[in-house]
Amino acid sequence: MTMRVVSYLLVAVVALVIGWKTRGWQEDSTSLAVERAAQKIADDAVARESTIAEKVEEKLAGLTANQTVIDRGIIREIQKPIYQRVCLEPDAVRLLNDAARGKAPSDTRKPAGGVP
């Protein structure tokens, strides 16, 4: 009877090992199929993009330049504020222009009335 139990136990262990190994093979097969599919998709995308790139290169090679771009750096334009007579009297415009230039007022006349 002990021999029978040992043989059943041995058959169960062998079946467990065989099942475990078969499951591993099946998982490996599935992951290999997924990897191959992903690689095929990537290869197809690269092939498609390379044909597009070849067509663009051929088209660019056939074009001739019709414009010349000369890069001479940055050009600065400085606009100085010069006030014109729009709303102010000529004396006020003169004072504002002198202040914008950083000069003393050109009209040095003293006011008629005294300061109390």
N, C-alpha and C. Protein backbone atom coordinates (compact mmCIF):
# COMPACT_ATOMS: atom_id res chain seq x y z
N MET A 1 0.81 -1.18 0.00
CA MET A 1 0.00 0.00 0.00
C MET A 1 0.87 1.26 0.00
N THR A 2 1.94 1.25 0.69
CA THR A 2 2.82 2.41 0.69
C THR A 2 3.46 2.59 -0.68
N MET A 3 3.68 1.51 -1.35
CA MET A 3 4.24 1.59 -2.68
C MET A 3 3.26 2.26 -3.64
N ARG A 4 1.98 1.98 -3.47
CA ARG A 4 0.95 2.56 -4.30
C ARG A 4 0.85 4.08 -4.04
N VAL A 5 0.91 4.51 -2.79
CA VAL A 5 0.83 5.92 -2.42
C VAL A 5 2.04 6.68 -2.97
N VAL A 6 3.20 6.03 -2.86
CA VAL A 6 4.42 6.66 -3.36
C VAL A 6 4.34 6.81 -4.87
N SER A 7 3.82 5.81 -5.57
CA SER A 7 3.71 5.89 -7.03
C SER A 7 2.70 6.98 -7.43
N TYR A 8 1.56 7.10 -6.70
CA TYR A 8 0.59 8.17 -6.99
C TYR A 8 1.21 9.55 -6.75
N LEU A 9 1.94 9.62 -5.68
CA LEU A 9 2.59 10.88 -5.35
C LEU A 9 3.63 11.24 -6.42
N LEU A 10 4.37 10.26 -6.89
CA LEU A 10 5.36 10.48 -7.93
C LEU A 10 4.69 10.89 -9.25
N VAL A 11 3.58 10.26 -9.60
CA VAL A 11 2.85 10.62 -10.82
C VAL A 11 2.31 12.05 -10.70
N ALA A 12 1.84 12.41 -9.52
CA ALA A 12 1.31 13.77 -9.32
C ALA A 12 2.43 14.81 -9.45
N VAL A 13 3.59 14.53 -8.89
CA VAL A 13 4.72 15.47 -8.99
C VAL A 13 5.17 15.59 -10.44
N VAL A 14 5.26 14.48 -11.16
CA VAL A 14 5.67 14.51 -12.57
C VAL A 14 4.64 15.29 -13.39
N ALA A 15 3.35 15.09 -13.14
CA ALA A 15 2.30 15.83 -13.86
C ALA A 15 2.39 17.33 -13.55
N LEU A 16 2.69 17.66 -12.30
CA LEU A 16 2.82 19.06 -11.93
C LEU A 16 4.01 19.70 -12.64
N VAL A 17 5.13 19.04 -12.70
CA VAL A 17 6.32 19.57 -13.37
C VAL A 17 6.06 19.72 -14.87
N ILE A 18 5.43 18.72 -15.48
CA ILE A 18 5.13 18.78 -16.92
C ILE A 18 4.16 19.95 -17.20
N GLY A 19 3.15 20.12 -16.38
CA GLY A 19 2.20 21.22 -16.55
C GLY A 19 2.87 22.58 -16.40
N TRP A 20 3.74 22.67 -15.40
CA TRP A 20 4.47 23.92 -15.17
C TRP A 20 5.34 24.28 -16.39
N LYS A 21 6.06 23.28 -16.89
CA LYS A 21 6.94 23.49 -18.04
C LYS A 21 6.13 23.86 -19.29
N THR A 22 5.00 23.21 -19.50
CA THR A 22 4.15 23.49 -20.66
C THR A 22 3.58 24.91 -20.59
N ARG A 23 3.18 25.33 -19.41
CA ARG A 23 2.67 26.70 -19.23
C ARG A 23 3.75 27.72 -19.54
N GLY A 24 4.98 27.47 -19.12
CA GLY A 24 6.10 28.37 -19.42
C GLY A 24 6.35 28.46 -20.92
N TRP A 25 6.27 27.31 -21.62
CA TRP A 25 6.46 27.33 -23.06
C TRP A 25 5.35 28.14 -23.76
N GLN A 26 4.14 27.99 -23.26
CA GLN A 26 3.01 28.71 -23.85
C GLN A 26 3.16 30.22 -23.63
N GLU A 27 3.58 30.65 -22.45
CA GLU A 27 3.80 32.07 -22.18
C GLU A 27 4.94 32.62 -23.03
N ASP A 28 6.00 31.85 -23.20
CA ASP A 28 7.11 32.28 -24.03
C ASP A 28 6.66 32.43 -25.49
N SER A 29 5.83 31.50 -25.94
CA SER A 29 5.33 31.56 -27.30
C SER A 29 4.48 32.81 -27.52
N THR A 30 3.63 33.14 -26.54
CA THR A 30 2.77 34.32 -26.65
C THR A 30 3.61 35.60 -26.66
N SER A 31 4.57 35.70 -25.77
CA SER A 31 5.40 36.91 -25.73
C SER A 31 6.26 37.03 -26.98
N LEU A 32 6.73 35.91 -27.53
CA LEU A 32 7.49 35.95 -28.77
C LEU A 32 6.62 36.44 -29.93
N ALA A 33 5.37 35.99 -29.98
CA ALA A 33 4.46 36.44 -31.04
C ALA A 33 4.20 37.95 -30.93
N VAL A 34 4.04 38.46 -29.70
CA VAL A 34 3.82 39.89 -29.50
C VAL A 34 5.06 40.68 -29.92
N GLU A 35 6.24 40.23 -29.56
CA GLU A 35 7.47 40.91 -29.94
C GLU A 35 7.66 40.94 -31.46
N ARG A 36 7.36 39.81 -32.11
CA ARG A 36 7.49 39.77 -33.57
C ARG A 36 6.50 40.71 -34.24
N ALA A 37 5.27 40.77 -33.72
CA ALA A 37 4.27 41.67 -34.30
C ALA A 37 4.70 43.13 -34.13
N ALA A 38 5.21 43.48 -32.95
CA ALA A 38 5.67 44.85 -32.71
C ALA A 38 6.85 45.20 -33.61
N GLN A 39 7.76 44.27 -33.80
CA GLN A 39 8.91 44.50 -34.67
C GLN A 39 8.47 44.67 -36.12
N LYS A 40 7.49 43.88 -36.56
CA LYS A 40 6.98 44.01 -37.92
C LYS A 40 6.31 45.36 -38.13
N ILE A 41 5.55 45.82 -37.15
CA ILE A 41 4.91 47.13 -37.25
C ILE A 41 5.97 48.23 -37.34
N ALA A 42 7.01 48.13 -36.52
CA ALA A 42 8.08 49.13 -36.54
C ALA A 42 8.82 49.11 -37.88
N ASP A 43 9.10 47.93 -38.40
CA ASP A 43 9.78 47.83 -39.69
C ASP A 43 8.94 48.41 -40.82
N ASP A 44 7.63 48.13 -40.80
CA ASP A 44 6.73 48.68 -41.81
C ASP A 44 6.70 50.21 -41.75
N ALA A 45 6.66 50.76 -40.53
CA ALA A 45 6.63 52.22 -40.37
C ALA A 45 7.92 52.85 -40.89
N VAL A 46 9.06 52.23 -40.59
CA VAL A 46 10.34 52.76 -41.05
C VAL A 46 10.42 52.70 -42.58
N ALA A 47 9.95 51.59 -43.16
CA ALA A 47 9.98 51.47 -44.61
C ALA A 47 9.08 52.52 -45.27
N ARG A 48 7.90 52.73 -44.71
CA ARG A 48 6.97 53.72 -45.26
C ARG A 48 7.56 55.12 -45.16
N GLU A 49 8.14 55.45 -44.02
CA GLU A 49 8.72 56.79 -43.84
C GLU A 49 9.96 56.99 -44.70
N SER A 50 10.72 55.94 -44.92
CA SER A 50 11.92 56.09 -45.76
C SER A 50 11.53 56.32 -47.22
N THR A 51 10.45 55.71 -47.70
CA THR A 51 10.02 55.98 -49.07
C THR A 51 9.53 57.43 -49.19
N ILE A 52 8.84 57.91 -48.19
CA ILE A 52 8.39 59.31 -48.21
C ILE A 52 9.60 60.24 -48.20
N ALA A 53 10.59 59.93 -47.36
CA ALA A 53 11.80 60.76 -47.28
C ALA A 53 12.56 60.76 -48.61
N GLU A 54 12.61 59.62 -49.29
CA GLU A 54 13.29 59.56 -50.58
C GLU A 54 12.58 60.44 -51.61
N LYS A 55 11.25 60.42 -51.61
CA LYS A 55 10.50 61.26 -52.55
C LYS A 55 10.73 62.74 -52.26
N VAL A 56 10.75 63.10 -51.00
CA VAL A 56 10.99 64.50 -50.63
C VAL A 56 12.40 64.92 -51.03
N GLU A 57 13.38 64.07 -50.80
CA GLU A 57 14.76 64.39 -51.18
C GLU A 57 14.89 64.57 -52.68
N GLU A 58 14.22 63.70 -53.47
CA GLU A 58 14.27 63.83 -54.92
C GLU A 58 13.64 65.16 -55.36
N LYS A 59 12.52 65.51 -54.75
CA LYS A 59 11.85 66.76 -55.10
C LYS A 59 12.70 67.96 -54.71
N LEU A 60 13.33 67.91 -53.54
CA LEU A 60 14.19 69.01 -53.11
C LEU A 60 15.43 69.14 -53.99
N ALA A 61 15.95 68.01 -54.45
CA ALA A 61 17.13 68.06 -55.30
C ALA A 61 16.81 68.71 -56.64
N GLY A 62 15.58 68.57 -57.11
CA GLY A 62 15.19 69.17 -58.38
C GLY A 62 14.89 70.64 -58.30
N LEU A 63 14.69 71.18 -57.12
CA LEU A 63 14.37 72.59 -56.98
C LEU A 63 15.63 73.45 -57.06
N THR A 64 15.46 74.63 -57.60
CA THR A 64 16.57 75.57 -57.62
C THR A 64 16.20 76.74 -56.72
N ALA A 65 17.20 77.33 -56.16
CA ALA A 65 16.97 78.44 -55.24
C ALA A 65 16.65 79.69 -56.05
N ASN A 66 15.57 80.36 -55.70
CA ASN A 66 15.23 81.59 -56.39
C ASN A 66 15.34 82.80 -55.48
N GLN A 67 15.76 82.59 -54.28
CA GLN A 67 15.97 83.68 -53.35
C GLN A 67 17.29 83.48 -52.62
N THR A 68 17.92 84.57 -52.32
CA THR A 68 19.14 84.51 -51.55
C THR A 68 18.88 85.20 -50.22
N VAL A 69 19.14 84.51 -49.16
CA VAL A 69 18.93 85.06 -47.83
C VAL A 69 20.29 85.46 -47.28
N ILE A 70 20.40 86.72 -46.94
CA ILE A 70 21.64 87.23 -46.37
C ILE A 70 21.36 87.61 -44.93
N ASP A 71 22.02 86.96 -44.04
CA ASP A 71 21.83 87.24 -42.62
C ASP A 71 22.93 88.19 -42.19
N ARG A 72 22.55 89.41 -41.91
CA ARG A 72 23.53 90.41 -41.51
C ARG A 72 23.40 90.77 -40.05
N GLY A 73 22.74 90.00 -39.30
CA GLY A 73 22.63 90.28 -37.89
C GLY A 73 21.38 91.08 -37.56
N ILE A 74 21.38 91.64 -36.41
CA ILE A 74 20.23 92.36 -35.91
C ILE A 74 20.41 93.86 -36.22
N ILE A 75 19.39 94.43 -36.79
CA ILE A 75 19.40 95.86 -37.09
C ILE A 75 18.53 96.53 -36.04
N ARG A 76 19.09 97.52 -35.37
CA ARG A 76 18.34 98.22 -34.35
C ARG A 76 17.84 99.54 -34.90
N GLU A 77 16.62 99.81 -34.64
CA GLU A 77 16.07 101.10 -35.00
C GLU A 77 15.69 101.80 -33.71
N ILE A 78 16.27 102.95 -33.51
CA ILE A 78 15.98 103.71 -32.31
C ILE A 78 15.10 104.88 -32.71
N GLN A 79 13.96 104.94 -32.11
CA GLN A 79 13.04 106.01 -32.42
C GLN A 79 13.00 106.96 -31.24
N LYS A 80 13.40 108.18 -31.50
CA LYS A 80 13.41 109.18 -30.44
C LYS A 80 12.06 109.86 -30.41
N PRO A 81 11.54 110.07 -29.23
CA PRO A 81 10.24 110.74 -29.17
C PRO A 81 10.39 112.22 -29.47
N ILE A 82 9.75 112.66 -30.52
CA ILE A 82 9.72 114.08 -30.88
C ILE A 82 8.25 114.47 -30.89
N TYR A 83 7.93 115.40 -30.05
CA TYR A 83 6.55 115.82 -29.93
C TYR A 83 6.23 116.85 -31.00
N GLN A 84 5.07 116.75 -31.56
CA GLN A 84 4.63 117.71 -32.57
C GLN A 84 3.38 118.41 -32.07
N ARG A 85 3.08 119.49 -32.73
CA ARG A 85 1.94 120.27 -32.29
C ARG A 85 0.65 119.58 -32.72
N VAL A 86 0.05 118.91 -31.76
CA VAL A 86 -1.24 118.29 -31.99
C VAL A 86 -2.23 118.88 -31.01
N CYS A 87 -1.88 118.82 -29.74
CA CYS A 87 -2.77 119.34 -28.70
C CYS A 87 -2.11 120.45 -27.90
N LEU A 88 -0.82 120.68 -28.10
CA LEU A 88 -0.10 121.62 -27.25
C LEU A 88 0.31 122.85 -28.04
N GLU A 89 0.57 123.89 -27.31
CA GLU A 89 1.06 125.13 -27.90
C GLU A 89 2.53 124.96 -28.28
N PRO A 90 3.06 125.79 -29.17
CA PRO A 90 4.45 125.65 -29.60
C PRO A 90 5.45 125.74 -28.46
N ASP A 91 5.19 126.54 -27.44
CA ASP A 91 6.11 126.64 -26.31
C ASP A 91 6.15 125.32 -25.53
N ALA A 92 5.00 124.71 -25.35
CA ALA A 92 4.95 123.43 -24.62
C ALA A 92 5.62 122.32 -25.42
N VAL A 93 5.44 122.33 -26.74
CA VAL A 93 6.09 121.34 -27.59
C VAL A 93 7.60 121.51 -27.52
N ARG A 94 8.08 122.75 -27.53
CA ARG A 94 9.51 123.02 -27.44
C ARG A 94 10.07 122.52 -26.11
N LEU A 95 9.35 122.73 -25.02
CA LEU A 95 9.79 122.26 -23.71
C LEU A 95 9.86 120.73 -23.66
N LEU A 96 8.85 120.08 -24.21
CA LEU A 96 8.85 118.60 -24.21
C LEU A 96 9.99 118.04 -25.06
N ASN A 97 10.23 118.63 -26.23
CA ASN A 97 11.33 118.16 -27.08
C ASN A 97 12.67 118.36 -26.41
N ASP A 98 12.86 119.51 -25.75
CA ASP A 98 14.11 119.74 -25.03
C ASP A 98 14.29 118.74 -23.89
N ALA A 99 13.21 118.42 -23.19
CA ALA A 99 13.30 117.44 -22.10
C ALA A 99 13.61 116.05 -22.64
N ALA A 100 13.06 115.68 -23.80
CA ALA A 100 13.33 114.37 -24.40
C ALA A 100 14.77 114.26 -24.84
N ARG A 101 15.36 115.38 -25.28
CA ARG A 101 16.76 115.37 -25.70
C ARG A 101 17.71 115.47 -24.51
N GLY A 102 17.20 115.80 -23.36
CA GLY A 102 18.03 115.92 -22.17
C GLY A 102 18.69 117.28 -22.08
N LYS A 103 18.15 118.27 -22.73
CA LYS A 103 18.72 119.61 -22.71
C LYS A 103 17.92 120.49 -21.76
N ALA A 104 18.56 121.59 -21.43
CA ALA A 104 17.85 122.62 -20.66
C ALA A 104 16.88 123.31 -21.61
N PRO A 105 15.81 123.83 -21.11
CA PRO A 105 14.84 124.50 -21.98
C PRO A 105 15.50 125.62 -22.77
N SER A 106 15.18 125.70 -24.07
CA SER A 106 15.80 126.72 -24.92
C SER A 106 15.21 128.10 -24.68
N ASP A 107 14.02 128.15 -24.15
CA ASP A 107 13.38 129.44 -23.87
C ASP A 107 13.71 129.80 -22.43
N THR A 108 14.59 130.78 -22.25
CA THR A 108 15.01 131.15 -20.90
C THR A 108 14.31 132.41 -20.42
N ARG A 109 13.22 132.77 -21.05
CA ARG A 109 12.48 133.95 -20.60
C ARG A 109 11.89 133.72 -19.23
N LYS A 110 11.84 134.73 -18.45
CA LYS A 110 11.25 134.62 -17.13
C LYS A 110 9.75 134.90 -17.24
N PRO A 111 8.97 134.25 -16.44
CA PRO A 111 7.54 134.53 -16.50
C PRO A 111 7.27 135.97 -16.12
N ALA A 112 6.18 136.53 -16.64
CA ALA A 112 5.83 137.93 -16.42
C ALA A 112 5.45 138.18 -14.99
N GLY A 113 4.75 137.28 -14.40
CA GLY A 113 4.32 137.48 -13.02
C GLY A 113 5.36 136.96 -12.05
N GLY A 114 5.45 137.56 -10.89
CA GLY A 114 6.40 137.11 -9.89
C GLY A 114 5.80 135.99 -9.04
N VAL A 115 6.67 135.24 -8.48
CA VAL A 115 6.22 134.16 -7.61
C VAL A 115 6.11 134.72 -6.20
N PRO A 116 4.95 134.63 -5.55
CA PRO A 116 4.81 135.18 -4.20
C PRO A 116 5.61 134.41 -3.17
